[in-house]
């Protein structure tokens, strides 16, 4: 028969399982989110095993994992705004999971890069020091590592207000990860531009006074700003980093003759949030500090 201390420890371990809520009960929401977090890595591993990644499979795998690292950083940053816009406080339970997933994928990305360099650690270190896009990627990785290891209830209690200040690093980390992605992508920057537009929306939403966030009129304005920011970033990239005429790129963004451009898609994605903003029900009661009842800061803001 387990001792009282043993039973308490077992309950704590059950509560820590990523598919359980804070009361130790199975959570379909968290289980589904965990499966979605694992799916990209499992898919890339399957492609590696089946030989579906071309002539340089490790290189292809590290690019795919790097792409998903950036995506999960953006997802982690999007959880709080989406929980507010959708009036779904339980969504905040997934912020920690998305952030930890981004950290794990970033580590896997570096590991695959090391394998691609035939495990020559000295060469890997030299490349990180001398190649700017690798340097900023490594800095982003270090920041993600710091956020990942402190994404626990114990860290929140131990660090107090310092925890919140440390986790503000998520915003510059997102910018560094996007810059790394832009440089790595070179001339074809359609997805980096789209993600940069969404990042602009996330930052603008956070800068918006809280009293305005309940107004439906805010969201069309943010959608226009998102599309404009994405187009401006794309223009700046082509002007500063390539030999392609940025004015021709901007002209393409001002018309639909060539189909929807990344800036258009970013604006439409932002505009989609108008619908839940219009239909939003009155908010549930929240505890002091702005967190949904039953959530810790590590799972919330």
Protein backbone atom coordinates (compact mmCIF):
# COMPACT_ATOMS: atom_id res chain seq x y z
CA UNK A 1 0.00 0.00 0.00
CA UNK A 2 1.49 3.41 -0.95
CA UNK A 3 2.38 5.75 1.89
CA UNK A 4 0.59 9.13 2.17
CA UNK A 5 3.72 10.86 0.89
CA UNK A 6 3.94 8.40 -2.00
CA UNK A 7 0.31 8.97 -2.92
CA UNK A 8 0.82 12.75 -2.84
CA UNK A 9 3.87 12.45 -5.11
CA UNK A 10 1.91 10.25 -7.51
CA UNK A 11 -0.89 12.84 -7.67
CA UNK A 12 1.64 15.58 -8.40
CA UNK A 13 3.17 13.52 -11.22
CA UNK A 14 -0.28 12.98 -12.72
CA UNK A 15 -1.02 16.70 -12.60
CA UNK A 16 2.25 17.43 -14.41
CA UNK A 17 1.31 15.20 -17.35
CA UNK A 18 0.83 17.56 -20.33
CA UNK A 19 -2.57 16.05 -21.17
CA UNK A 20 -4.02 16.75 -17.70
CA UNK A 21 -5.39 19.95 -16.21
CA UNK A 22 -4.27 21.45 -12.90
CA UNK A 23 -6.62 19.17 -10.98
CA UNK A 24 -5.05 16.10 -12.55
CA UNK A 25 -8.04 15.38 -14.78
CA UNK A 26 -7.71 14.40 -18.43
CA UNK A 27 -8.07 17.48 -20.67
CA UNK A 28 -9.19 16.85 -24.25
CA UNK A 29 -8.04 20.37 -25.16
CA UNK A 30 -4.50 19.81 -23.86
CA UNK A 31 -4.31 16.29 -25.31
CA UNK A 32 -5.31 17.55 -28.75
CA UNK A 33 -2.85 20.44 -28.52
CA UNK A 34 -0.06 18.06 -27.47
CA UNK A 35 -0.77 15.83 -30.47
CA UNK A 36 -0.64 18.86 -32.78
CA UNK A 37 2.65 19.98 -31.21
CA UNK A 38 4.22 16.55 -31.79
CA UNK A 39 2.81 16.05 -35.29
CA UNK A 40 5.33 18.18 -37.30
CA UNK A 41 8.33 16.52 -35.65
CA UNK A 42 6.84 13.06 -36.09
CA UNK A 43 6.12 13.80 -39.74
CA UNK A 44 9.69 14.96 -40.41
CA UNK A 45 11.04 11.87 -38.59
CA UNK A 46 8.82 9.67 -40.78
CA UNK A 47 10.10 11.39 -43.92
CA UNK A 48 13.67 10.82 -42.76
CA UNK A 49 13.06 7.11 -42.20
CA UNK A 50 11.25 6.63 -45.51
CA UNK A 51 13.80 8.61 -47.54
CA UNK A 52 11.32 11.27 -48.68
CA UNK A 53 13.56 14.30 -47.98
CA UNK A 54 15.68 14.25 -51.14
CA UNK A 55 19.42 14.00 -51.61
CA UNK A 56 20.31 15.91 -48.41
CA UNK A 57 17.76 14.59 -45.92
CA UNK A 58 19.38 16.05 -42.78
CA UNK A 59 19.55 19.50 -44.38
CA UNK A 60 15.92 19.25 -45.44
CA UNK A 61 14.87 18.06 -41.97
CA UNK A 62 16.65 20.92 -40.19
CA UNK A 63 14.94 23.43 -42.51
CA UNK A 64 11.51 21.93 -41.78
CA UNK A 65 12.14 21.86 -38.03
CA UNK A 66 13.44 25.46 -38.16
CA UNK A 67 10.28 26.53 -39.96
CA UNK A 68 8.12 24.93 -37.27
CA UNK A 69 10.21 26.55 -34.55
CA UNK A 70 9.28 29.98 -35.89
CA UNK A 71 5.65 28.94 -36.30
CA UNK A 72 5.42 27.74 -32.70
CA UNK A 73 6.99 30.96 -31.42
CA UNK A 74 4.23 32.87 -33.23
CA UNK A 75 1.58 30.47 -31.90
CA UNK A 76 2.84 30.97 -28.34
CA UNK A 77 2.67 34.75 -28.77
CA UNK A 78 -0.82 34.47 -30.26
CA UNK A 79 -2.40 32.49 -27.40
CA UNK A 80 -3.14 35.44 -25.11
CA UNK A 81 -4.70 37.68 -27.80
CA UNK A 82 -6.77 34.79 -29.16
CA UNK A 83 -7.98 33.84 -25.67
CA UNK A 84 -9.17 37.43 -25.25
CA UNK A 85 -10.73 37.87 -28.69
CA UNK A 86 -12.46 34.46 -28.59
CA UNK A 87 -13.48 34.93 -24.94
CA UNK A 88 -11.95 31.52 -24.22
CA UNK A 89 -9.81 31.74 -21.05
CA UNK A 90 -9.06 28.00 -21.12
CA UNK A 91 -6.99 28.60 -24.24
CA UNK A 92 -4.37 30.17 -21.97
CA UNK A 93 -3.56 26.66 -20.75
CA UNK A 94 -1.83 26.08 -24.08
CA UNK A 95 0.59 29.02 -23.98
CA UNK A 96 3.16 27.16 -21.90
CA UNK A 97 2.89 24.08 -24.11
CA UNK A 98 3.39 26.09 -27.30
CA UNK A 99 6.39 27.93 -25.84
CA UNK A 100 8.06 24.74 -24.60
CA UNK A 101 7.40 23.13 -27.98
CA UNK A 102 9.14 26.07 -29.71
CA UNK A 103 12.14 25.61 -27.40
CA UNK A 104 12.28 21.85 -28.09
CA UNK A 105 12.08 22.37 -31.85
CA UNK A 106 14.81 25.02 -31.70
CA UNK A 107 17.10 22.57 -29.89
CA UNK A 108 16.27 19.89 -32.47
CA UNK A 109 17.06 22.41 -35.22
CA UNK A 110 20.53 23.07 -33.74
CA UNK A 111 21.09 19.33 -33.26
CA UNK A 112 20.25 18.61 -36.89
CA UNK A 113 22.58 21.42 -37.99
CA UNK A 114 25.37 19.83 -35.94
CA UNK A 115 24.67 16.45 -37.52
CA UNK A 116 24.66 18.08 -40.98
CA UNK A 117 28.16 19.41 -40.16
CA UNK A 118 29.29 15.84 -39.35
CA UNK A 119 29.30 16.56 -35.59
CA UNK A 120 32.29 18.91 -35.95
CA UNK A 121 31.51 21.07 -32.93
CA UNK A 122 34.42 23.44 -33.57
CA UNK A 123 33.12 24.13 -37.07
CA UNK A 124 29.60 24.62 -35.75
CA UNK A 125 30.85 27.15 -33.18
CA UNK A 126 32.91 28.98 -35.81
CA UNK A 127 29.95 29.16 -38.19
CA UNK A 128 27.72 30.56 -35.45
CA UNK A 129 30.32 33.22 -34.65
CA UNK A 130 31.02 34.26 -38.23
CA UNK A 131 27.66 33.94 -39.98
CA UNK A 132 25.28 36.68 -38.89
CA UNK A 133 22.06 34.75 -39.47
CA UNK A 134 23.42 31.82 -37.46
CA UNK A 135 24.49 34.18 -34.68
CA UNK A 136 21.04 35.69 -34.30
CA UNK A 137 19.46 32.25 -34.55
CA UNK A 138 21.70 31.01 -31.73
CA UNK A 139 20.85 34.05 -29.59
CA UNK A 140 17.15 33.31 -30.13
CA UNK A 141 17.80 29.69 -29.15
CA UNK A 142 19.50 30.76 -25.91
CA UNK A 143 16.55 33.00 -25.11
CA UNK A 144 14.08 30.20 -25.82
CA UNK A 145 16.10 27.88 -23.58
CA UNK A 146 15.88 30.40 -20.72
CA UNK A 147 12.12 30.73 -21.17
CA UNK A 148 11.65 26.96 -21.45
CA UNK A 149 13.50 26.02 -18.26
CA UNK A 150 11.57 28.68 -16.30
CA UNK A 151 8.15 27.67 -17.64
CA UNK A 152 7.18 25.88 -14.44
CA UNK A 153 5.03 26.76 -11.45
CA UNK A 154 8.10 26.40 -9.22
CA UNK A 155 10.02 28.94 -11.32
CA UNK A 156 7.11 31.39 -11.13
CA UNK A 157 7.04 31.13 -7.33
CA UNK A 158 10.80 31.35 -6.97
CA UNK A 159 11.37 34.25 -9.37
CA UNK A 160 8.37 36.40 -8.40
CA UNK A 161 8.17 39.57 -10.50
CA UNK A 162 11.43 38.67 -12.21
CA UNK A 163 9.60 35.85 -14.01
CA UNK A 164 7.40 38.31 -15.88
CA UNK A 165 10.35 40.50 -16.82
CA UNK A 166 12.30 37.49 -18.12
CA UNK A 167 9.40 36.26 -20.21
CA UNK A 168 9.10 39.62 -21.95
CA UNK A 169 12.07 38.28 -23.92
CA UNK A 170 9.54 36.30 -25.96
CA UNK A 171 8.90 39.43 -28.04
CA UNK A 172 12.49 40.16 -29.18
CA UNK A 173 13.06 36.42 -29.56
CA UNK A 174 10.18 36.37 -32.03
CA UNK A 175 11.75 39.23 -33.99
CA UNK A 176 15.17 37.52 -34.04
CA UNK A 177 13.65 34.23 -35.18
CA UNK A 178 11.87 36.01 -38.04
CA UNK A 179 15.07 37.79 -39.10
CA UNK A 180 16.91 34.46 -39.06
CA UNK A 181 14.13 33.00 -41.23
CA UNK A 182 14.28 35.93 -43.69
CA UNK A 183 18.04 35.63 -44.16
CA UNK A 184 17.90 31.86 -44.54
CA UNK A 185 15.06 32.13 -47.07
CA UNK A 186 16.99 34.67 -49.24
CA UNK A 187 14.82 35.72 -52.21
CA UNK A 188 11.70 33.63 -51.59
CA UNK A 189 10.34 35.27 -48.45
CA UNK A 190 6.60 34.71 -48.89
CA UNK A 191 6.09 32.85 -45.61
CA UNK A 192 8.48 35.04 -43.58
CA UNK A 193 6.56 38.11 -44.82
CA UNK A 194 3.24 36.52 -43.86
CA UNK A 195 4.54 35.59 -40.38
CA UNK A 196 6.11 39.04 -39.96
CA UNK A 197 2.71 40.59 -40.70
CA UNK A 198 1.10 38.42 -38.03
CA UNK A 199 3.90 39.33 -35.62
CA UNK A 200 3.14 43.00 -36.30
CA UNK A 201 -0.53 42.34 -35.44
CA UNK A 202 0.48 40.63 -32.19
CA UNK A 203 2.64 43.57 -31.15
CA UNK A 204 0.06 46.19 -32.17
CA UNK A 205 -2.66 44.36 -30.25
CA UNK A 206 -0.50 44.33 -27.13
CA UNK A 207 0.18 48.07 -27.51
CA UNK A 208 -3.54 48.81 -27.84
CA UNK A 209 -5.18 50.12 -24.64
CA UNK A 210 -7.13 47.32 -22.96
CA UNK A 211 -10.32 49.39 -23.02
CA UNK A 212 -10.23 49.36 -26.83
CA UNK A 213 -9.87 45.60 -27.23
CA UNK A 214 -13.57 45.00 -26.77
CA UNK A 215 -14.47 47.29 -29.69
CA UNK A 216 -15.15 45.55 -33.00
CA UNK A 217 -13.88 48.64 -34.86
CA UNK A 218 -10.34 47.93 -33.63
CA UNK A 219 -10.01 44.76 -35.70
CA UNK A 220 -10.50 46.15 -39.24
CA UNK A 221 -8.00 48.90 -38.33
CA UNK A 222 -5.50 46.31 -37.09
CA UNK A 223 -6.05 44.24 -40.25
CA UNK A 224 -5.16 47.23 -42.44
CA UNK A 225 -2.12 47.94 -40.27
CA UNK A 226 -1.09 44.28 -40.50
CA UNK A 227 -1.27 44.24 -44.30
CA UNK A 228 0.61 47.56 -44.46
CA UNK A 229 3.30 46.32 -42.06
CA UNK A 230 3.77 43.10 -44.04
CA UNK A 231 4.05 45.04 -47.32
CA UNK A 232 6.49 47.49 -45.74
CA UNK A 233 8.66 44.70 -44.34
CA UNK A 234 8.66 42.96 -47.71
CA UNK A 235 9.63 46.22 -49.45
CA UNK A 236 12.45 46.85 -46.96
CA UNK A 237 13.76 43.30 -47.32
CA UNK A 238 13.98 43.44 -51.12
CA UNK A 239 15.47 46.95 -50.99
CA UNK A 240 18.17 46.13 -48.44
CA UNK A 241 18.99 42.46 -48.93
CA UNK A 242 18.43 41.55 -52.59
CA UNK A 243 18.99 42.94 -56.06
CA UNK A 244 15.27 42.79 -56.82
CA UNK A 245 13.46 46.09 -57.46
CA UNK A 246 11.38 46.65 -54.30
CA UNK A 247 9.01 49.04 -56.10
CA UNK A 248 7.90 46.23 -58.42
CA UNK A 249 7.21 44.09 -55.34
CA UNK A 250 5.22 46.90 -53.75
CA UNK A 251 3.26 47.38 -56.99
CA UNK A 252 2.36 43.68 -56.88
CA UNK A 253 1.09 44.17 -53.32
CA UNK A 254 -1.20 46.99 -54.48
CA UNK A 255 -3.13 44.85 -56.94
CA UNK A 256 -4.76 41.43 -57.16
CA UNK A 257 -3.64 40.91 -60.76
CA UNK A 258 -1.00 38.45 -59.60
CA UNK A 259 -3.20 36.77 -56.99
CA UNK A 260 -3.10 37.21 -53.25
CA UNK A 261 0.30 38.25 -51.94
CA UNK A 262 1.69 37.48 -48.42
CA UNK A 263 0.65 40.96 -47.21
CA UNK A 264 -2.91 40.29 -48.41
CA UNK A 265 -3.01 36.94 -46.62
CA UNK A 266 -1.70 38.50 -43.41
CA UNK A 267 -4.38 41.21 -43.57
CA UNK A 268 -7.12 38.67 -44.24
CA UNK A 269 -5.95 36.49 -41.33
CA UNK A 270 -6.11 39.53 -39.07
CA UNK A 271 -9.52 40.56 -40.43
CA UNK A 272 -10.91 37.09 -39.63
CA UNK A 273 -10.72 38.04 -35.94
CA UNK A 274 -13.48 40.59 -36.55
CA UNK A 275 -16.10 37.81 -36.49
CA UNK A 276 -15.39 36.53 -32.95
CA UNK A 277 -14.96 40.14 -31.81
CA UNK A 278 -18.50 40.86 -33.03
CA UNK A 279 -19.92 37.72 -31.45
CA UNK A 280 -17.97 37.86 -28.21
CA UNK A 281 -19.96 37.15 -25.08
CA UNK A 282 -19.39 38.97 -21.76
CA UNK A 283 -16.11 37.93 -20.21
CA UNK A 284 -15.91 35.44 -17.39
CA UNK A 285 -14.78 36.70 -14.00
CA UNK A 286 -11.02 36.85 -13.76
CA UNK A 287 -8.76 36.80 -10.74
CA UNK A 288 -6.70 39.88 -9.78
CA UNK A 289 -3.67 40.23 -12.05
CA UNK A 290 -5.59 39.51 -15.26
CA UNK A 291 -5.31 35.69 -15.30
CA UNK A 292 -8.27 33.42 -15.87
CA UNK A 293 -9.41 31.72 -12.70
CA UNK A 294 -7.29 28.64 -11.92
CA UNK A 295 -4.36 29.60 -14.18
CA UNK A 296 -0.86 30.53 -13.14
CA UNK A 297 1.17 33.28 -14.85
CA UNK A 298 3.26 30.57 -16.55
CA UNK A 299 0.08 29.28 -18.20
CA UNK A 300 -1.47 32.71 -18.72
CA UNK A 301 0.05 36.05 -19.75
